[in-house]
Protein backbone atom coordinates (compact mmCIF):
# COMPACT_ATOMS: atom_id res chain seq x y z
CA MET A 1 -7.76 0.24 -60.48
CA ILE A 2 -9.05 2.47 -57.64
CA ARG A 3 -8.54 2.17 -53.89
CA ARG A 4 -11.78 0.33 -53.32
CA ARG A 5 -12.01 -2.37 -55.85
CA LEU A 6 -14.45 -1.61 -58.74
CA THR A 7 -16.58 -4.66 -59.52
CA PHE A 8 -16.62 -4.97 -63.29
CA VAL A 9 -19.20 -7.17 -65.00
CA ILE A 10 -19.70 -8.06 -68.64
CA ILE A 11 -23.09 -9.10 -70.02
CA ILE A 12 -23.40 -9.57 -73.61
CA CYS A 13 -25.80 -9.01 -76.50
CA GLY A 14 -24.78 -8.04 -80.02
CA LEU A 15 -25.59 -7.07 -83.57
CA THR A 16 -27.13 -9.72 -85.78
CA THR A 17 -26.15 -8.81 -89.35
CA PRO A 18 -24.72 -11.93 -91.01
CA ILE A 19 -21.59 -11.37 -93.10
CA PHE A 20 -20.49 -14.85 -94.15
CA ALA A 21 -22.25 -18.20 -94.00
CA ASP A 22 -19.10 -20.19 -93.20
CA SER A 23 -18.58 -21.13 -89.56
CA VAL A 24 -15.32 -20.32 -87.78
CA SER A 25 -13.67 -21.78 -84.70
CA LEU A 26 -12.80 -19.24 -82.00
CA THR A 27 -10.63 -20.96 -79.39
CA GLU A 28 -7.34 -20.50 -77.55
CA SER A 29 -5.45 -23.68 -76.79
CA VAL A 30 -4.36 -24.40 -73.23
CA ASN A 31 -1.21 -25.92 -74.76
CA ASP A 32 -0.23 -22.69 -76.53
CA ALA A 33 3.31 -21.91 -75.31
CA ARG A 34 3.55 -18.52 -77.03
CA VAL A 35 4.16 -15.35 -75.03
CA PHE A 36 1.72 -12.49 -75.68
CA GLU A 37 2.16 -8.80 -74.96
CA VAL A 38 -0.94 -6.99 -73.68
CA GLU A 39 -0.97 -3.20 -73.73
CA GLY A 40 -3.80 -0.75 -73.12
CA THR A 41 -5.49 1.84 -70.94
CA VAL A 42 -8.37 2.23 -68.50
CA ASP A 43 -10.13 5.59 -68.05
CA ILE A 44 -12.61 6.04 -65.18
CA SER A 45 -14.74 9.06 -64.26
CA GLY A 46 -17.67 9.65 -61.94
CA THR A 47 -18.22 10.01 -58.21
CA LEU A 48 -17.51 8.21 -54.97
CA GLU A 49 -20.30 8.20 -52.39
CA THR A 50 -19.07 8.32 -48.79
CA PRO A 51 -21.16 8.29 -45.59
CA VAL A 52 -21.29 11.45 -43.47
CA GLY A 53 -23.61 10.17 -40.70
CA GLN A 54 -27.35 10.01 -40.03
CA GLY A 55 -27.91 7.99 -43.19
CA LYS A 56 -26.53 10.73 -45.44
CA SER A 57 -23.66 10.65 -47.92
CA GLN A 58 -21.53 13.04 -49.91
CA SER A 59 -20.40 12.76 -53.52
CA LEU A 60 -16.72 13.19 -54.32
CA PRO A 61 -15.55 13.63 -57.93
CA LEU A 62 -13.38 10.77 -59.16
CA LYS A 63 -11.01 10.47 -62.10
CA ALA A 64 -8.60 7.62 -62.76
CA LYS A 65 -6.34 6.65 -65.61
CA GLY A 66 -4.49 3.37 -65.71
CA THR A 67 -1.88 1.86 -67.98
CA ILE A 68 -2.11 -1.88 -68.73
CA HIS A 69 1.13 -3.48 -69.86
CA PHE A 70 2.31 -7.04 -69.32
CA LYS A 71 3.50 -10.19 -71.05
CA GLU A 72 1.63 -13.42 -70.45
CA ARG A 73 1.94 -17.12 -71.15
CA ARG A 74 -0.77 -19.76 -70.79
CA LEU A 75 -0.45 -22.26 -67.96
CA PRO A 76 -2.22 -25.63 -67.64
CA GLY A 77 -5.49 -25.30 -65.76
CA SER A 78 -5.73 -26.32 -62.14
CA GLY A 79 -9.32 -27.51 -62.50
CA ARG A 80 -12.44 -27.20 -64.62
CA ASP A 81 -14.45 -24.22 -65.84
CA ALA A 82 -12.98 -20.98 -64.43
CA GLU A 83 -10.05 -22.85 -62.91
CA SER A 84 -9.01 -24.05 -66.36
CA LEU A 85 -7.87 -20.49 -67.10
CA ARG A 86 -4.38 -19.58 -65.80
CA MET A 87 -1.69 -17.19 -67.00
CA PHE A 88 1.92 -16.59 -66.00
CA ARG A 89 2.63 -12.86 -66.37
CA GLU A 90 5.44 -10.38 -66.19
CA TYR A 91 4.14 -6.86 -65.62
CA LEU A 92 6.21 -4.11 -67.20
CA PRO A 93 7.47 -0.95 -65.46
CA ASP A 94 4.95 1.44 -67.02
CA LEU A 95 2.02 -0.43 -65.44
CA GLY A 96 0.28 1.89 -63.01
CA SER A 97 -2.62 4.21 -62.31
CA GLU A 98 -3.24 7.80 -61.24
CA ILE A 99 -6.36 8.36 -59.13
CA GLU A 100 -7.79 11.79 -58.36
CA VAL A 101 -10.52 12.23 -55.74
CA ARG A 102 -11.54 15.83 -54.99
CA ASN A 103 -8.19 17.19 -56.19
CA GLN A 104 -6.22 14.63 -54.14
CA ILE A 105 -3.99 12.51 -56.40
CA ALA A 106 -2.62 9.05 -55.59
CA SER A 107 -0.31 6.95 -57.75
CA LEU A 108 -0.33 3.15 -57.66
CA ARG A 109 2.63 1.11 -58.86
CA LEU A 110 3.82 -2.49 -58.65
CA ARG A 111 7.12 -3.07 -56.86
CA PRO A 112 9.87 -4.46 -59.15
CA ALA A 113 10.14 -7.61 -57.02
CA ARG A 114 6.43 -8.35 -57.52
CA ARG A 115 6.20 -8.14 -61.31
CA LEU A 116 6.02 -11.91 -61.88
CA ILE A 117 2.36 -12.75 -61.26
CA ILE A 118 0.13 -15.78 -61.72
CA ALA A 119 -3.43 -14.92 -62.79
CA GLN A 120 -5.77 -17.77 -61.82
CA GLY A 121 -9.38 -18.03 -62.92
CA ARG A 122 -11.92 -18.47 -60.13
CA ARG A 123 -15.69 -18.43 -60.31
CA GLU A 124 -15.66 -15.31 -58.10
CA GLY A 125 -13.11 -13.54 -60.35
CA THR A 126 -9.45 -13.62 -61.32
CA GLU A 127 -7.08 -14.33 -58.44
CA TYR A 128 -3.59 -12.80 -58.52
CA PHE A 129 -0.56 -13.97 -56.55
CA THR A 130 3.19 -14.43 -56.85
CA PRO A 131 5.74 -16.92 -55.49
CA LEU A 132 8.04 -13.91 -54.91
CA GLY A 133 6.16 -12.83 -51.77
CA SER A 134 2.89 -11.36 -50.55
CA LEU A 135 1.30 -8.44 -52.40
CA LEU A 136 0.33 -5.14 -50.85
CA TYR A 137 -3.37 -4.31 -50.74
CA ASN A 138 -2.98 -1.51 -53.31
CA GLU A 139 -0.91 -3.75 -55.59
CA LEU A 140 -3.76 -6.23 -55.69
CA GLU A 141 -6.17 -3.39 -56.49
CA LEU A 142 -3.88 -2.26 -59.32
CA LEU A 143 -3.84 -5.71 -60.94
CA GLN A 144 -7.64 -5.86 -61.15
CA PHE A 145 -9.07 -4.08 -64.17
CA PRO A 146 -12.31 -4.25 -66.19
CA GLY A 147 -12.04 -6.41 -69.27
CA GLU A 148 -9.35 -8.70 -67.86
CA SER A 149 -7.89 -10.59 -70.84
CA LEU A 150 -8.03 -13.91 -68.97
CA CYS A 151 -11.79 -13.49 -68.50
CA CYS A 152 -12.28 -12.75 -72.20
CA ILE A 153 -11.05 -16.24 -73.11
CA GLY A 154 -14.06 -17.56 -71.19
CA MET A 155 -16.39 -15.72 -73.58
CA LEU A 156 -15.17 -17.62 -76.65
CA PRO A 157 -17.72 -20.17 -78.02
CA LEU A 158 -17.22 -23.87 -77.40
CA ASN A 159 -18.24 -24.75 -80.98
CA PRO A 160 -17.69 -23.14 -84.42
CA VAL A 161 -20.07 -20.23 -85.15
CA GLU A 162 -21.23 -18.28 -88.16
CA ALA A 163 -21.48 -14.52 -88.53
CA GLY A 164 -24.71 -13.35 -86.94
CA GLU A 165 -24.83 -16.33 -84.59
CA THR A 166 -25.14 -15.87 -80.83
CA TRP A 167 -24.10 -18.03 -77.88
CA HIS A 168 -24.56 -18.02 -74.12
CA PRO A 169 -21.46 -18.84 -72.04
CA GLU A 170 -21.95 -20.96 -68.96
CA SER A 171 -22.93 -19.32 -65.67
CA TRP A 172 -19.39 -19.42 -64.22
CA VAL A 173 -18.23 -17.08 -66.99
CA VAL A 174 -20.69 -14.40 -65.86
CA GLN A 175 -19.51 -14.56 -62.28
CA MET A 176 -15.84 -14.63 -63.22
CA LEU A 177 -16.33 -11.61 -65.46
CA THR A 178 -18.05 -9.70 -62.67
CA GLY A 179 -15.63 -10.71 -59.94
CA ILE A 180 -18.41 -10.36 -57.39
CA ASP A 181 -19.43 -12.58 -54.50
CA ALA A 182 -23.10 -12.99 -55.41
CA VAL A 183 -24.85 -12.63 -58.78
CA LEU A 184 -28.51 -11.75 -58.29
CA LYS A 185 -29.46 -11.28 -61.94
CA SER A 186 -27.42 -11.68 -65.08
CA GLU A 187 -27.59 -12.19 -68.82
CA LEU A 188 -24.67 -13.07 -71.02
CA THR A 189 -24.96 -13.28 -74.79
CA CYS A 190 -22.17 -13.07 -77.36
CA THR A 191 -22.64 -12.39 -81.06
CA LEU A 192 -20.23 -12.85 -83.95
CA ILE A 193 -20.97 -9.72 -85.97
CA LYS A 194 -18.50 -10.06 -88.86
CA VAL A 195 -15.56 -11.95 -90.31
CA GLU A 196 -13.23 -9.99 -92.56
CA SER A 197 -9.53 -9.43 -93.19
CA GLY A 198 -8.66 -12.47 -91.08
CA LEU A 199 -10.44 -11.15 -87.98
CA ALA A 200 -13.65 -12.29 -86.31
CA THR A 201 -15.38 -9.47 -84.41
CA ILE A 202 -17.57 -10.26 -81.40
CA SER A 203 -19.91 -7.59 -80.03
CA TYR A 204 -21.45 -7.53 -76.58
CA THR A 205 -23.66 -5.40 -74.37
CA GLY A 206 -25.76 -6.08 -71.31
CA LEU A 207 -26.67 -5.71 -67.67
CA VAL A 208 -25.85 -7.43 -64.38
CA GLU A 209 -27.05 -6.98 -60.82
CA GLY A 210 -25.15 -8.39 -57.87
CA ALA A 211 -23.27 -7.75 -54.65
CA ASP A 212 -19.62 -7.61 -53.71
CA ASP A 213 -18.64 -7.75 -50.03
CA GLY A 214 -22.25 -6.87 -49.20
CA ALA A 215 -22.45 -3.78 -51.45
CA GLU A 216 -25.17 -4.04 -54.09
CA GLY A 217 -24.48 -2.84 -57.61
CA THR A 218 -25.73 -2.62 -61.19
CA MET A 219 -23.49 -2.57 -64.25
CA VAL A 220 -24.23 -1.83 -67.93
CA ILE A 221 -21.62 -2.90 -70.48
CA ASN A 222 -21.04 -2.25 -74.20
CA GLY A 223 -18.04 -3.43 -76.19
CA GLU A 224 -16.43 -5.65 -78.78
CA PHE A 225 -13.26 -7.64 -79.35
CA ASP A 226 -11.43 -9.14 -82.34
CA TYR A 227 -10.17 -12.69 -82.69
CA ASP A 228 -7.22 -13.30 -85.06
CA LEU A 229 -8.27 -16.29 -87.20
CA LYS A 230 -4.76 -16.95 -88.51
CA GLN A 231 -2.87 -16.83 -85.21
CA HIS A 232 -5.79 -18.11 -83.09
CA HIS A 233 -5.96 -15.58 -80.26
CA ILE A 234 -7.92 -12.58 -79.02
CA ALA A 235 -6.15 -9.57 -80.53
CA ARG A 236 -8.07 -6.40 -79.64
CA PHE A 237 -10.60 -5.36 -77.02
CA LYS A 238 -12.70 -2.28 -76.22
CA GLN A 239 -15.33 -1.93 -73.51
CA GLU A 240 -17.46 0.87 -72.08
CA GLN A 241 -19.07 0.31 -68.69
CA SER A 242 -21.37 2.19 -66.33
CA GLU A 243 -21.59 1.09 -62.71
CA THR A 244 -23.69 2.13 -59.74
CA ARG A 245 -22.87 0.59 -56.37
CA SER A 246 -24.20 1.23 -52.89
CA ILE A 247 -22.01 2.20 -49.95
CA GLY A 248 -20.66 -0.97 -48.38
CA ALA A 249 -19.04 -1.98 -45.13
CA VAL A 250 -15.55 -1.77 -46.65
CA SER A 251 -16.01 0.37 -49.75
CA PRO A 252 -17.56 3.66 -50.84
CA GLY A 253 -20.52 3.85 -53.17
CA LEU A 254 -19.82 4.35 -56.86
CA LYS A 255 -21.37 6.09 -59.83
CA VAL A 256 -18.74 5.67 -62.52
CA LYS A 257 -18.10 5.12 -66.19
CA ALA A 258 -15.04 3.21 -67.36
CA THR A 259 -13.53 2.71 -70.81
CA THR A 260 -11.01 -0.09 -71.31
CA THR A 261 -8.99 -0.75 -74.46
CA TRP A 262 -6.14 -3.16 -75.07
CA THR A 263 -4.29 -4.99 -77.80
CA ARG A 264 -2.74 -8.43 -77.52
CA LYS A 265 -0.11 -9.92 -79.83
CA PRO A 266 2.53 -12.67 -79.81
CA THR A 267 6.06 -11.51 -78.99
CA SER A 268 9.50 -13.06 -79.26
CA GLU A 269 10.73 -11.01 -76.27
CA ILE A 270 9.69 -13.44 -73.57
CA GLY A 271 11.52 -11.82 -70.64
CA ASN A 272 11.25 -13.98 -67.52
CA LEU A 273 8.46 -16.16 -68.94
CA THR A 274 10.89 -18.94 -69.83
CA ASP A 275 10.26 -22.69 -69.90
CA ASP A 276 12.38 -23.06 -66.76
CA GLN A 277 10.38 -20.47 -64.82
CA THR A 278 7.07 -21.84 -66.08
CA ASP A 279 7.91 -25.44 -65.16
CA ARG A 280 8.47 -24.40 -61.53
CA ILE A 281 4.91 -23.17 -61.05
CA PRO A 282 2.73 -25.70 -59.18
CA LEU A 283 -0.92 -26.25 -60.04
CA ASP A 284 -2.03 -24.87 -56.67
CA PRO A 285 -0.51 -21.86 -54.90
CA GLU A 286 1.24 -22.21 -51.58
CA PRO A 287 -0.98 -20.73 -48.81
CA GLU A 288 1.50 -17.96 -48.05
CA TRP A 289 1.35 -16.73 -51.68
CA LEU A 290 -2.27 -15.68 -51.12
CA LEU A 291 -1.54 -13.51 -48.10
CA LEU A 292 -1.47 -9.73 -48.37
CA SER A 293 1.02 -7.57 -46.52
CA MET A 294 0.86 -4.20 -44.82
CA GLU A 295 4.05 -2.13 -44.88
CA SER A 296 3.71 1.13 -43.00
CA PRO A 297 5.89 4.27 -42.98
CA TRP A 298 6.58 3.53 -39.30
CA ASN A 299 8.73 0.53 -40.17
CA ILE A 300 6.43 -2.40 -39.53
CA ARG A 301 5.21 -5.22 -41.70
CA PHE A 302 2.58 -7.90 -41.15
CA GLU A 303 0.53 -10.32 -43.24
CA TYR A 304 -3.18 -11.10 -43.36
CA ASP A 305 -5.63 -13.10 -45.45
CA ARG A 306 -7.68 -11.59 -48.26
CA ASN A 307 -10.96 -11.50 -46.37
CA TRP A 308 -9.52 -8.55 -44.43
CA HIS A 309 -10.00 -5.22 -46.21
CA LEU A 310 -8.02 -2.05 -45.62
CA PHE A 311 -10.76 0.40 -44.64
CA HIS A 312 -8.82 3.49 -43.55
CA GLU A 313 -5.18 4.51 -43.25
CA THR A 314 -3.26 7.52 -41.92
CA ASP A 315 0.40 8.10 -41.13
CA LYS A 316 -0.21 6.85 -37.55
CA ALA A 317 -2.92 4.21 -37.79
CA ALA A 318 -4.78 1.79 -40.06
CA VAL A 319 -8.18 0.10 -39.85
CA PHE A 320 -9.04 -3.30 -41.37
CA ARG A 321 -12.41 -5.07 -41.56
CA LEU A 322 -13.01 -8.80 -41.96
CA VAL A 323 -15.85 -9.52 -44.40
CA GLU A 324 -17.20 -13.01 -45.04
CA GLU A 325 -20.34 -13.87 -46.99
CA GLY A 326 -21.12 -10.18 -47.31
CA SER A 327 -21.11 -9.43 -43.57
CA VAL A 328 -18.54 -7.75 -41.32
CA VAL A 329 -17.21 -10.30 -38.84
CA ALA A 330 -14.53 -8.27 -37.07
CA GLN A 331 -12.41 -5.14 -37.22
CA PHE A 332 -8.89 -4.36 -36.12
CA ASN A 333 -6.98 -1.13 -35.64
CA ILE A 334 -3.21 -0.88 -35.54
CA THR A 335 -1.67 2.26 -34.06
CA ASN A 336 1.87 3.56 -33.87
CA ILE A 337 2.58 4.51 -30.25
CA ASP A 338 5.47 6.35 -28.63
CA ASP A 339 8.80 4.54 -28.48
CA ALA A 340 10.10 3.21 -25.19
CA SER A 341 13.77 3.17 -24.24
CA PRO A 342 15.81 0.40 -25.91
CA GLY A 343 15.11 -2.92 -24.22
CA GLU A 344 11.94 -1.60 -22.57
CA HIS A 345 8.22 -1.22 -23.35
CA THR A 346 5.05 0.35 -22.03
CA SER A 347 4.27 -1.37 -18.75
CA GLU A 348 1.45 -3.90 -18.52
CA GLU A 349 -0.25 -1.75 -15.85
CA ILE A 350 -0.27 1.35 -18.06
CA PHE A 351 -1.45 -0.66 -21.08
CA GLN A 352 -4.39 -2.09 -19.11
CA ALA A 353 -5.20 1.34 -17.72
CA ASP A 354 -5.31 2.72 -21.28
CA ILE A 355 -7.68 -0.10 -22.27
CA ARG A 356 -10.04 0.66 -19.38
CA GLU A 357 -10.05 4.34 -20.28
CA SER A 358 -10.63 3.62 -23.97
CA LEU A 359 -13.55 1.23 -23.43
CA GLY A 360 -15.12 3.23 -20.61
CA SER A 361 -18.64 2.09 -19.77
CA ARG A 362 -18.55 -0.57 -22.49
CA LEU A 363 -16.08 -2.66 -20.47
CA GLN A 364 -17.46 -5.34 -18.17
CA GLU A 365 -14.33 -7.35 -17.40
CA ILE A 366 -10.75 -8.02 -18.43
CA THR A 367 -10.79 -11.82 -18.58
CA LYS A 368 -7.16 -12.55 -19.41
CA ALA A 369 -3.79 -10.80 -19.64
CA GLU A 370 -0.71 -12.70 -20.77
CA GLN A 371 2.73 -12.32 -22.31
CA LEU A 372 3.15 -14.43 -25.46
CA LYS A 373 6.36 -16.00 -26.69
CA THR A 374 8.03 -14.73 -29.85
CA ASP A 375 10.98 -16.00 -31.88
CA ASP A 376 12.71 -12.65 -32.46
CA ASN A 377 12.95 -11.07 -28.99
CA ARG A 378 9.87 -8.91 -29.49
CA PHE A 379 7.73 -8.21 -26.45
CA LEU A 380 4.16 -9.36 -27.12
CA TYR A 381 1.41 -8.85 -24.56
CA ARG A 382 -2.28 -9.73 -25.04
CA VAL A 383 -5.28 -8.55 -23.04
CA THR A 384 -8.76 -10.03 -23.57
CA ALA A 385 -11.73 -7.89 -22.55
CA VAL A 386 -15.50 -8.41 -22.73
CA GLY A 387 -18.35 -5.97 -22.55
CA ALA A 388 -21.25 -4.53 -24.50
CA ALA A 389 -21.75 -1.84 -27.13
CA LYS A 390 -24.89 -0.03 -28.21
CA THR A 391 -25.80 0.25 -31.86
CA LYS A 392 -28.84 0.90 -34.04
CA ASN A 393 -30.55 -1.43 -36.47
CA ASP A 394 -31.83 -0.49 -39.93
CA GLU A 395 -35.03 0.88 -38.40
CA GLY A 396 -33.10 3.18 -36.10
CA GLU A 397 -33.89 1.17 -32.98
CA GLU A 398 -31.12 0.94 -30.40
CA LYS A 399 -29.82 -2.47 -29.36
CA THR A 400 -27.02 -3.84 -27.21
CA ILE A 401 -24.42 -6.26 -28.56
CA ASN A 402 -22.06 -8.37 -26.45
CA MET A 403 -18.49 -7.68 -27.56
CA THR A 404 -15.02 -9.17 -27.14
CA TRP A 405 -11.82 -7.17 -27.61
CA PHE A 406 -8.30 -8.51 -28.06
CA TYR A 407 -5.60 -5.93 -27.33
CA TYR A 408 -1.97 -6.51 -28.22
CA LEU A 409 1.09 -4.50 -27.21
CA CYS A 410 4.08 -5.21 -29.48
CA ALA A 411 7.55 -3.80 -28.79
CA ALA A 412 10.86 -4.26 -30.63
CA PRO A 413 14.16 -4.64 -28.76
CA ASN A 414 15.06 -1.07 -29.78
CA GLY A 415 11.89 0.30 -28.10
CA GLU A 416 9.67 0.80 -31.17
CA GLN A 417 6.04 -0.02 -30.31
CA VAL A 418 2.65 -0.60 -31.93
CA ALA A 419 -0.72 -1.61 -30.53
CA PHE A 420 -3.48 -3.72 -32.08
CA VAL A 421 -7.11 -3.94 -31.02
CA PHE A 422 -9.43 -6.55 -32.56
CA SER A 423 -13.17 -5.99 -32.04
CA VAL A 424 -15.62 -8.84 -32.58
CA GLU A 425 -19.12 -9.71 -31.46
CA THR A 426 -18.85 -12.35 -28.76
CA SER A 427 -21.26 -14.63 -30.63
CA VAL A 428 -18.84 -14.94 -33.60
CA VAL A 429 -15.49 -15.09 -31.81
CA GLU A 430 -15.09 -18.68 -33.04
CA GLN A 431 -15.44 -17.45 -36.63
CA LEU A 432 -12.45 -15.19 -36.08
CA ALA A 433 -10.58 -18.46 -35.45
CA ASN A 434 -7.43 -16.96 -33.90
CA ARG A 435 -6.67 -14.99 -37.05
CA ASP A 436 -5.92 -12.05 -34.76
CA LEU A 437 -3.02 -13.96 -33.24
CA GLY A 438 -1.74 -15.01 -36.67
CA ILE A 439 -1.62 -11.39 -37.85
CA VAL A 440 0.15 -10.16 -34.73
CA GLN A 441 2.66 -13.00 -34.77
CA SER A 442 3.56 -12.13 -38.39
CA LEU A 443 4.47 -8.57 -37.33
CA LYS A 444 8.04 -7.52 -38.07
CA PHE A 445 9.74 -4.27 -37.17
CA THR A 446 11.71 -3.42 -40.28
CA LYS A 447 13.89 -0.82 -41.84
CA PRO A 448 13.57 0.18 -45.52
CA GLY A 449 15.82 -2.02 -47.60
CA LYS A 450 16.54 -3.12 -51.11
CA GLU A 451 13.91 -5.35 -52.71
CA PRO A 452 15.13 -8.80 -53.80
CA GLU A 453 15.75 -9.16 -57.52
CA ILE A 454 13.62 -11.37 -59.75
CA ALA A 455 15.17 -14.81 -60.03
CA LYS A 456 16.70 -15.53 -63.39
């Protein structure tokens, strides 16, 4: 729910006072065709830790309040374990969050044409996408919240239990609940604390240690949820969480507390979650559904895969970093540059001269310069440069790294221009695997327009 994704982990331990001796079954059927309405809030407070150089950081006060509101319908699983959990959702207009960092307030909302979402269970966390088009980075952040209702289904016991009884979900449940890349230490224990008035109440508390995109973190969780024994579904949820996370390559450090509450009930107002819409959803998403898009105020749009993280953005530039297996592989900057006259562009000679000036002593050689074909009359020019950069290791010792840079000049027929620069260590250029070219080729110069309506 905040700009840098909060990694939320549930580890469970509960009260042990037996209420009834009779065992109860706590399951949700994958064949349940009912539509449920989920409504709740998330409140977050604490600090962000940002680097200020020389190994130091500063703490910035953080407050965030989010509204959870959507309808959901169970879909057949696309696999086993975490992948057996899938939901088709329609998010409602009041979904959103307000984030305040040091008196600066940002509002996150979901575009109307992106309100139909598929939530797919993965071992690494819930995956969100839509057949209506690629999501924006901040839209994806908005959809992720602690205590995701899809994850809670994974906490239900496989067999009937009695009040006071505990169970330990399988290891994939822990990782899905955390949504992190690597779980270093975890415990997950659920306890049925009481059965009364047609509700079974499960209590949980615990601790997890892990890492997400290379940033280490510790989370402490306390909460409980109710299961409706008559209608056979999770009906109410409340969770309190404390999280401490180190500063990472693509995210600030965190010292936060979050409280999540939601209710979930069947509804006859199914909206767009009809049989016809549901039957169209394939078991596996199309590759383009998993792409994210960048739409800037300077009328450009491009798409990129989810291993790229938006690191910094201004009204004239944006910085993305590629993180795989917890390590930064590459970085790219995109910059809005002065318009040329219609039908023209910055000359190749000036563009190369700007590259030489920018790299300075780091540049060894420009190895290739070429104009690339496009299908929409854009001018696209790529320059490949190699050289070396100095950096310091964890012990403060200076070292030299061989680098490769890919520069792109992109110009629209009307003279609008942007420039990309991709920076990657020469030893891992193959790992970049031409994703730089894919991003640049997806670039479109656009004008603000009306969003397409949701298909009926």
